[in-house]
PDB file of N, CA and C in Angstrom:
ATOM      1  N   MET A   1     -57.286 -22.299  12.338  1.00  0.00           N
ATOM      2  CA  MET A   1     -58.046 -22.037  10.868  1.00  0.00           C
ATOM      3  C   MET A   1     -59.545 -22.151  11.015  1.00  0.00           C
ATOM      4  N   ASP A   2     -60.296 -21.261  10.715  1.00  0.00           N
ATOM      5  CA  ASP A   2     -61.702 -21.363  10.848  1.00  0.00           C
ATOM      6  C   ASP A   2     -62.177 -21.892   9.468  1.00  0.00           C
ATOM      7  N   VAL A   3     -63.456 -22.357   9.334  1.00  0.00           N
ATOM      8  CA  VAL A   3     -63.890 -23.065   8.082  1.00  0.00           C
ATOM      9  C   VAL A   3     -63.999 -22.275   6.956  1.00  0.00           C
ATOM     10  N   GLN A   4     -64.336 -21.056   7.076  1.00  0.00           N
ATOM     11  CA  GLN A   4     -64.344 -19.958   5.912  1.00  0.00           C
ATOM     12  C   GLN A   4     -62.806 -20.017   5.206  1.00  0.00           C
ATOM     13  N   LYS A   5     -61.952 -19.705   6.172  1.00  0.00           N
ATOM     14  CA  LYS A   5     -60.630 -19.619   5.755  1.00  0.00           C
ATOM     15  C   LYS A   5     -59.879 -20.863   5.004  1.00  0.00           C
ATOM     16  N   ALA A   6     -60.425 -22.040   5.835  1.00  0.00           N
ATOM     17  CA  ALA A   6     -60.307 -23.326   5.066  1.00  0.00           C
ATOM     18  C   ALA A   6     -60.895 -23.644   3.707  1.00  0.00           C
ATOM     19  N   ALA A   7     -61.893 -22.966   3.559  1.00  0.00           N
ATOM     20  CA  ALA A   7     -62.540 -23.179   2.170  1.00  0.00           C
ATOM     21  C   ALA A   7     -61.935 -22.173   1.176  1.00  0.00           C
ATOM     22  N   ARG A   8     -61.816 -21.167   1.680  1.00  0.00           N
ATOM     23  CA  ARG A   8     -60.764 -20.318   0.720  1.00  0.00           C
ATOM     24  C   ARG A   8     -59.398 -20.650   0.372  1.00  0.00           C
ATOM     25  N   SER A   9     -58.691 -21.557   1.314  1.00  0.00           N
ATOM     26  CA  SER A   9     -57.417 -22.112   0.948  1.00  0.00           C
ATOM     27  C   SER A   9     -57.755 -23.313  -0.115  1.00  0.00           C
ATOM     28  N   LEU A  10     -58.824 -24.241   0.228  1.00  0.00           N
ATOM     29  CA  LEU A  10     -59.154 -25.206  -0.711  1.00  0.00           C
ATOM     30  C   LEU A  10     -59.334 -24.668  -2.090  1.00  0.00           C
ATOM     31  N   GLN A  11     -60.140 -23.673  -2.173  1.00  0.00           N
ATOM     32  CA  GLN A  11     -60.725 -23.101  -3.470  1.00  0.00           C
ATOM     33  C   GLN A  11     -59.375 -22.477  -4.236  1.00  0.00           C
ATOM     34  N   GLU A  12     -58.343 -21.898  -3.423  1.00  0.00           N
ATOM     35  CA  GLU A  12     -57.202 -21.341  -4.042  1.00  0.00           C
ATOM     36  C   GLU A  12     -56.377 -22.509  -4.518  1.00  0.00           C
ATOM     37  N   LYS A  13     -56.503 -23.699  -3.870  1.00  0.00           N
ATOM     38  CA  LYS A  13     -55.399 -24.870  -4.253  1.00  0.00           C
ATOM     39  C   LYS A  13     -55.755 -25.465  -5.545  1.00  0.00           C
ATOM     40  N   PHE A  14     -57.251 -25.582  -5.810  1.00  0.00           N
ATOM     41  CA  PHE A  14     -57.767 -26.201  -6.909  1.00  0.00           C
ATOM     42  C   PHE A  14     -58.477 -25.471  -7.888  1.00  0.00           C
ATOM     43  N   ARG A  15     -58.389 -24.099  -7.683  1.00  0.00           N
ATOM     44  CA  ARG A  15     -59.190 -23.363  -8.695  1.00  0.00           C
ATOM     45  C   ARG A  15     -59.015 -23.588 -10.117  1.00  0.00           C
ATOM     46  N   ASP A  16     -57.724 -23.968 -10.516  1.00  0.00           N
ATOM     47  CA  ASP A  16     -57.665 -24.144 -11.970  1.00  0.00           C
ATOM     48  C   ASP A  16     -57.786 -25.327 -12.380  1.00  0.00           C
ATOM     49  N   GLU A  17     -58.390 -26.217 -11.746  1.00  0.00           N
ATOM     50  CA  GLU A  17     -58.671 -27.719 -12.085  1.00  0.00           C
ATOM     51  C   GLU A  17     -60.082 -27.676 -12.559  1.00  0.00           C
ATOM     52  N   PRO A  18     -60.154 -28.283 -14.188  1.00  0.00           N
ATOM     53  CA  PRO A  18     -61.599 -28.311 -14.669  1.00  0.00           C
ATOM     54  C   PRO A  18     -62.640 -28.965 -14.102  1.00  0.00           C
ATOM     55  N   TRP A  19     -62.190 -29.980 -13.099  1.00  0.00           N
ATOM     56  CA  TRP A  19     -63.265 -30.614 -12.315  1.00  0.00           C
ATOM     57  C   TRP A  19     -63.977 -29.742 -11.168  1.00  0.00           C
ATOM     58  N   LEU A  20     -63.408 -28.858 -10.891  1.00  0.00           N
ATOM     59  CA  LEU A  20     -63.925 -28.120  -9.819  1.00  0.00           C
ATOM     60  C   LEU A  20     -64.943 -26.997 -10.010  1.00  0.00           C
ATOM     61  N   LEU A  21     -66.269 -27.208  -9.192  1.00  0.00           N
ATOM     62  CA  LEU A  21     -67.195 -26.096  -9.734  1.00  0.00           C
ATOM     63  C   LEU A  21     -66.883 -24.788  -8.736  1.00  0.00           C
ATOM     64  N   MET A  22     -67.118 -25.257  -7.335  1.00  0.00           N
ATOM     65  CA  MET A  22     -67.043 -24.475  -6.258  1.00  0.00           C
ATOM     66  C   MET A  22     -66.702 -25.128  -4.780  1.00  0.00           C
ATOM     67  N   VAL A  23     -66.560 -24.326  -3.871  1.00  0.00           N
ATOM     68  CA  VAL A  23     -66.304 -24.869  -2.645  1.00  0.00           C
ATOM     69  C   VAL A  23     -67.190 -24.254  -1.625  1.00  0.00           C
ATOM     70  N   GLY A  24     -67.889 -25.075  -0.875  1.00  0.00           N
ATOM     71  CA  GLY A  24     -68.868 -24.443  -0.055  1.00  0.00           C
ATOM     72  C   GLY A  24     -68.613 -24.892   1.501  1.00  0.00           C
ATOM     73  N   THR A  25     -69.381 -24.397   2.614  1.00  0.00           N
ATOM     74  CA  THR A  25     -69.336 -24.726   3.889  1.00  0.00           C
ATOM     75  C   THR A  25     -70.524 -25.114   4.384  1.00  0.00           C
ATOM     76  N   GLY A  26     -70.648 -25.863   5.420  1.00  0.00           N
ATOM     77  CA  GLY A  26     -71.697 -26.289   6.028  1.00  0.00           C
ATOM     78  C   GLY A  26     -71.590 -27.297   7.170  1.00  0.00           C
ATOM     79  N   GLU A  27     -72.637 -28.099   7.559  1.00  0.00           N
ATOM     80  CA  GLU A  27     -72.394 -29.050   8.636  1.00  0.00           C
ATOM     81  C   GLU A  27     -72.537 -30.584   7.935  1.00  0.00           C
ATOM     82  N   ALA A  28     -71.810 -31.229   8.403  1.00  0.00           N
ATOM     83  CA  ALA A  28     -71.935 -32.868   7.911  1.00  0.00           C
ATOM     84  C   ALA A  28     -71.864 -33.727   9.217  1.00  0.00           C
ATOM     85  N   ASP A  29     -72.801 -34.384   9.678  1.00  0.00           N
ATOM     86  CA  ASP A  29     -72.918 -34.937  10.943  1.00  0.00           C
ATOM     87  C   ASP A  29     -72.559 -34.289  12.221  1.00  0.00           C
ATOM     88  N   GLY A  30     -72.988 -33.036  12.094  1.00  0.00           N
ATOM     89  CA  GLY A  30     -72.885 -32.225  13.319  1.00  0.00           C
ATOM     90  C   GLY A  30     -71.514 -31.487  13.412  1.00  0.00           C
ATOM     91  N   HIS A  31     -70.815 -31.524  12.380  1.00  0.00           N
ATOM     92  CA  HIS A  31     -69.408 -30.935  12.374  1.00  0.00           C
ATOM     93  C   HIS A  31     -69.509 -30.081  11.093  1.00  0.00           C
ATOM     94  N   PRO A  32     -68.579 -28.880  11.364  1.00  0.00           N
ATOM     95  CA  PRO A  32     -68.277 -27.993  10.326  1.00  0.00           C
ATOM     96  C   PRO A  32     -67.660 -28.528   9.350  1.00  0.00           C
ATOM     97  N   SER A  33     -67.948 -28.583   8.101  1.00  0.00           N
ATOM     98  CA  SER A  33     -67.476 -29.307   6.868  1.00  0.00           C
ATOM     99  C   SER A  33     -67.209 -28.450   5.778  1.00  0.00           C
ATOM    100  N   LEU A  34     -66.345 -28.850   4.666  1.00  0.00           N
ATOM    101  CA  LEU A  34     -66.068 -28.270   3.559  1.00  0.00           C
ATOM    102  C   LEU A  34     -66.939 -29.164   2.377  1.00  0.00           C
ATOM    103  N   PHE A  35     -67.590 -28.524   1.676  1.00  0.00           N
ATOM    104  CA  PHE A  35     -68.230 -29.249   0.616  1.00  0.00           C
ATOM    105  C   PHE A  35     -67.498 -28.887  -0.881  1.00  0.00           C
ATOM    106  N   LEU A  36     -67.305 -29.991  -1.621  1.00  0.00           N
ATOM    107  CA  LEU A  36     -66.448 -29.784  -2.926  1.00  0.00           C
ATOM    108  C   LEU A  36     -67.476 -29.989  -3.903  1.00  0.00           C
ATOM    109  N   TYR A  37     -67.843 -29.203  -4.578  1.00  0.00           N
ATOM    110  CA  TYR A  37     -68.873 -29.243  -5.799  1.00  0.00           C
ATOM    111  C   TYR A  37     -67.955 -29.697  -6.986  1.00  0.00           C
ATOM    112  N   VAL A  38     -68.108 -30.807  -7.723  1.00  0.00           N
ATOM    113  CA  VAL A  38     -67.364 -31.093  -8.762  1.00  0.00           C
ATOM    114  C   VAL A  38     -67.963 -31.461  -9.941  1.00  0.00           C
ATOM    115  N   ARG A  39     -67.593 -31.478 -11.219  1.00  0.00           N
ATOM    116  CA  ARG A  39     -68.040 -32.046 -12.522  1.00  0.00           C
ATOM    117  C   ARG A  39     -68.000 -33.377 -12.473  1.00  0.00           C
ATOM    118  N   SER A  40     -66.905 -34.009 -11.927  1.00  0.00           N
ATOM    119  CA  SER A  40     -66.519 -35.330 -12.067  1.00  0.00           C
ATOM    120  C   SER A  40     -65.633 -35.612 -10.887  1.00  0.00           C
ATOM    121  N   THR A  41     -65.924 -36.934 -10.304  1.00  0.00           N
ATOM    122  CA  THR A  41     -65.107 -37.295  -9.100  1.00  0.00           C
ATOM    123  C   THR A  41     -64.114 -38.080  -9.517  1.00  0.00           C
ATOM    124  N   GLU A  42     -63.653 -38.435 -10.656  1.00  0.00           N
ATOM    125  CA  GLU A  42     -62.462 -39.078 -10.960  1.00  0.00           C
ATOM    126  C   GLU A  42     -61.361 -38.604 -10.861  1.00  0.00           C
ATOM    127  N   LYS A  43     -61.153 -37.089 -11.036  1.00  0.00           N
ATOM    128  CA  LYS A  43     -59.988 -36.578 -10.762  1.00  0.00           C
ATOM    129  C   LYS A  43     -59.559 -35.989  -9.239  1.00  0.00           C
ATOM    130  N   VAL A  44     -60.543 -35.805  -8.436  1.00  0.00           N
ATOM    131  CA  VAL A  44     -60.575 -35.427  -7.109  1.00  0.00           C
ATOM    132  C   VAL A  44     -59.509 -36.261  -6.513  1.00  0.00           C
ATOM    133  N   PRO A  45     -58.284 -35.657  -5.788  1.00  0.00           N
ATOM    134  CA  PRO A  45     -57.541 -36.372  -5.131  1.00  0.00           C
ATOM    135  C   PRO A  45     -58.085 -37.253  -3.861  1.00  0.00           C
ATOM    136  N   SER A  46     -57.869 -38.538  -3.914  1.00  0.00           N
ATOM    137  CA  SER A  46     -58.750 -39.495  -3.014  1.00  0.00           C
ATOM    138  C   SER A  46     -58.143 -39.078  -1.542  1.00  0.00           C
ATOM    139  N   SER A  47     -57.211 -38.412  -1.244  1.00  0.00           N
ATOM    140  CA  SER A  47     -56.865 -38.089   0.125  1.00  0.00           C
ATOM    141  C   SER A  47     -57.880 -36.916   0.884  1.00  0.00           C
ATOM    142  N   LEU A  48     -58.540 -36.195  -0.041  1.00  0.00           N
ATOM    143  CA  LEU A  48     -59.398 -35.111   0.394  1.00  0.00           C
ATOM    144  C   LEU A  48     -60.695 -35.744   1.445  1.00  0.00           C
ATOM    145  N   PRO A  49     -61.233 -36.617   0.592  1.00  0.00           N
ATOM    146  CA  PRO A  49     -62.413 -37.015   1.600  1.00  0.00           C
ATOM    147  C   PRO A  49     -62.064 -37.959   2.525  1.00  0.00           C
ATOM    148  N   ARG A  50     -60.805 -38.458   2.520  1.00  0.00           N
ATOM    149  CA  ARG A  50     -60.299 -39.544   3.440  1.00  0.00           C
ATOM    150  C   ARG A  50     -59.508 -38.788   4.674  1.00  0.00           C
ATOM    151  N   GLU A  51     -58.809 -37.784   4.347  1.00  0.00           N
ATOM    152  CA  GLU A  51     -58.042 -37.019   5.447  1.00  0.00           C
ATOM    153  C   GLU A  51     -58.744 -35.703   5.656  1.00  0.00           C
ATOM    154  N   GLY A  52     -59.623 -35.100   4.882  1.00  0.00           N
ATOM    155  CA  GLY A  52     -60.045 -33.791   4.885  1.00  0.00           C
ATOM    156  C   GLY A  52     -58.963 -32.614   4.696  1.00  0.00           C
ATOM    157  N   TRP A  53     -59.301 -31.541   4.934  1.00  0.00           N
ATOM    158  CA  TRP A  53     -58.463 -29.955   4.671  1.00  0.00           C
ATOM    159  C   TRP A  53     -58.342 -29.339   5.845  1.00  0.00           C
ATOM    160  N   GLU A  54     -57.194 -29.034   6.113  1.00  0.00           N
ATOM    161  CA  GLU A  54     -56.983 -27.976   7.310  1.00  0.00           C
ATOM    162  C   GLU A  54     -57.795 -28.530   8.431  1.00  0.00           C
ATOM    163  N   GLY A  55     -57.971 -29.851   8.774  1.00  0.00           N
ATOM    164  CA  GLY A  55     -58.714 -30.331  10.110  1.00  0.00           C
ATOM    165  C   GLY A  55     -60.142 -30.375   9.705  1.00  0.00           C
ATOM    166  N   PHE A  56     -60.851 -30.034   8.726  1.00  0.00           N
ATOM    167  CA  PHE A  56     -62.077 -30.223   8.219  1.00  0.00           C
ATOM    168  C   PHE A  56     -62.362 -31.394   7.401  1.00  0.00           C
ATOM    169  N   ARG A  57     -63.523 -31.960   7.726  1.00  0.00           N
ATOM    170  CA  ARG A  57     -64.121 -32.900   6.852  1.00  0.00           C
ATOM    171  C   ARG A  57     -64.235 -32.580   5.404  1.00  0.00           C
ATOM    172  N   VAL A  58     -63.999 -33.178   4.467  1.00  0.00           N
ATOM    173  CA  VAL A  58     -64.388 -32.740   2.955  1.00  0.00           C
ATOM    174  C   VAL A  58     -65.378 -33.675   2.461  1.00  0.00           C
ATOM    175  N   VAL A  59     -66.355 -33.010   2.082  1.00  0.00           N
ATOM    176  CA  VAL A  59     -67.553 -33.990   1.513  1.00  0.00           C
ATOM    177  C   VAL A  59     -67.711 -33.607  -0.190  1.00  0.00           C
ATOM    178  N   VAL A  60     -67.504 -34.650  -1.008  1.00  0.00           N
ATOM    179  CA  VAL A  60     -67.314 -34.309  -2.561  1.00  0.00           C
ATOM    180  C   VAL A  60     -68.819 -34.608  -3.058  1.00  0.00           C
ATOM    181  N   ARG A  61     -69.364 -33.581  -3.743  1.00  0.00           N
ATOM    182  CA  ARG A  61     -70.662 -33.732  -4.342  1.00  0.00           C
ATOM    183  C   ARG A  61     -70.448 -33.502  -5.823  1.00  0.00           C
ATOM    184  N   LYS A  62     -71.006 -34.376  -6.558  1.00  0.00           N
ATOM    185  CA  LYS A  62     -70.835 -34.449  -8.058  1.00  0.00           C
ATOM    186  C   LYS A  62     -72.171 -33.601  -8.496  1.00  0.00           C
ATOM    187  N   MET A  63     -72.099 -32.729  -9.533  1.00  0.00           N
ATOM    188  CA  MET A  63     -73.127 -32.050  -9.807  1.00  0.00           C
ATOM    189  C   MET A  63     -72.830 -31.303 -11.187  1.00  0.00           C
ATOM    190  N   GLY A  64     -74.011 -31.113 -11.899  1.00  0.00           N
ATOM    191  CA  GLY A  64     -73.884 -30.395 -13.232  1.00  0.00           C
ATOM    192  C   GLY A  64     -73.706 -28.680 -12.853  1.00  0.00           C
ATOM    193  N   VAL A  65     -73.479 -28.091 -13.993  1.00  0.00           N
ATOM    194  CA  VAL A  65     -72.969 -26.773 -13.844  1.00  0.00           C
ATOM    195  C   VAL A  65     -74.432 -25.958 -13.776  1.00  0.00           C
ATOM    196  N   PRO A  66     -74.368 -25.116 -12.407  1.00  0.00           N
ATOM    197  CA  PRO A  66     -75.613 -24.413 -12.011  1.00  0.00           C
ATOM    198  C   PRO A  66     -75.985 -23.405 -13.250  1.00  0.00           C
ATOM    199  N   ARG A  67     -77.460 -23.206 -13.269  1.00  0.00           N
ATOM    200  CA  ARG A  67     -77.978 -22.190 -14.361  1.00  0.00           C
ATOM    201  C   ARG A  67     -79.060 -21.899 -13.791  1.00  0.00           C
ATOM    202  N   PRO A  68     -79.716 -20.785 -14.120  1.00  0.00           N
ATOM    203  CA  PRO A  68     -81.019 -20.325 -13.756  1.00  0.00           C
ATOM    204  C   PRO A  68     -82.290 -21.288 -14.189  1.00  0.00           C
ATOM    205  N   ALA A  69     -83.364 -21.158 -13.425  1.00  0.00           N
ATOM    206  CA  ALA A  69     -84.441 -21.978 -13.829  1.00  0.00           C
ATOM    207  C   ALA A  69     -85.003 -21.462 -15.074  1.00  0.00           C
ATOM    208  N   LEU A  70     -85.472 -22.037 -15.863  1.00  0.00           N
ATOM    209  CA  LEU A  70     -86.203 -21.768 -17.249  1.00  0.00           C
ATOM    210  C   LEU A  70     -87.217 -20.775 -17.009  1.00  0.00           C
ATOM    211  N   GLY A  71     -87.174 -19.802 -17.786  1.00  0.00           N
ATOM    212  CA  GLY A  71     -88.311 -18.688 -17.790  1.00  0.00           C
ATOM    213  C   GLY A  71     -88.014 -17.714 -16.639  1.00  0.00           C
ATOM    214  N   VAL A  72     -86.945 -17.781 -15.894  1.00  0.00           N
ATOM    215  CA  VAL A  72     -86.762 -16.771 -15.066  1.00  0.00           C
ATOM    216  C   VAL A  72     -85.637 -15.552 -15.443  1.00  0.00           C
ATOM    217  N   ASP A  73     -86.017 -14.502 -15.215  1.00  0.00           N
ATOM    218  CA  ASP A  73     -85.142 -13.395 -15.708  1.00  0.00           C
ATOM    219  C   ASP A  73     -84.776 -12.695 -14.382  1.00  0.00           C
ATOM    220  N   LEU A  74     -83.540 -12.888 -13.750  1.00  0.00           N
ATOM    221  CA  LEU A  74     -83.212 -12.523 -12.588  1.00  0.00           C
ATOM    222  C   LEU A  74     -82.673 -11.156 -12.698  1.00  0.00           C
ATOM    223  N   GLY A  75     -82.478 -10.542 -14.007  1.00  0.00           N
ATOM    224  CA  GLY A  75     -81.956  -9.125 -14.212  1.00  0.00           C
ATOM    225  C   GLY A  75     -82.978  -8.295 -14.365  1.00  0.00           C
ATOM    226  N   ARG A  76     -84.428  -8.561 -14.591  1.00  0.00           N
ATOM    227  CA  ARG A  76     -85.437  -7.543 -14.556  1.00  0.00           C
ATOM    228  C   ARG A  76     -86.093  -7.523 -13.377  1.00  0.00           C
ATOM    229  N   ARG A  77     -86.377  -6.073 -13.105  1.00  0.00           N
ATOM    230  CA  ARG A  77     -87.197  -5.794 -11.679  1.00  0.00           C
ATOM    231  C   ARG A  77     -88.602  -5.877 -12.310  1.00  0.00           C
ATOM    232  N   ARG A  78     -89.500  -6.350 -11.285  1.00  0.00           N
ATOM    233  CA  ARG A  78     -90.928  -6.443 -11.506  1.00  0.00           C
ATOM    234  C   ARG A  78     -91.447  -5.002 -11.179  1.00  0.00           C
ATOM    235  N   SER A  79     -92.517  -4.421 -12.080  1.00  0.00           N
ATOM    236  CA  SER A  79     -93.175  -3.312 -11.674  1.00  0.00           C
ATOM    237  C   SER A  79     -94.133  -3.866 -10.729  1.00  0.00           C
ATOM    238  N   LYS A  80     -94.296  -2.536  -9.888  1.00  0.00           N
ATOM    239  CA  LYS A  80     -95.501  -2.987  -9.027  1.00  0.00           C
ATOM    240  C   LYS A  80     -96.877  -2.692  -9.602  1.00  0.00           C
ATOM    241  N   PRO A  81     -97.944  -3.420  -9.192  1.00  0.00           N
ATOM    242  CA  PRO A  81     -99.098  -2.954  -9.868  1.00  0.00           C
ATOM    243  C   PRO A  81     -99.715  -1.670  -9.524  1.00  0.00           C
ATOM    244  N   ALA A  82    -100.473  -1.120 -10.356  1.00  0.00           N
ATOM    245  CA  ALA A  82    -100.932   0.411 -10.034  1.00  0.00           C
ATOM    246  C   ALA A  82    -102.177   0.466  -9.040  1.00  0.00           C
TER     247      ALA A  82
END
């Protein structure tokens, strides 16, 4: 299984858990890894960072809910100067 398929599998397994924000992929210590972004680490199964998922290391990162930067309207297009 490749890292993208493992990430989708991990997301599918825990998608209904209130502590999960998202699953990402990247490198940790030079190895392909899964990044589990969570609201709280308390409910994350302790086996994930210890044993990994589908042969990949799992790195748990606590973070708040992502939101756009203040004053940035990503839905508007800028008009070009005349």
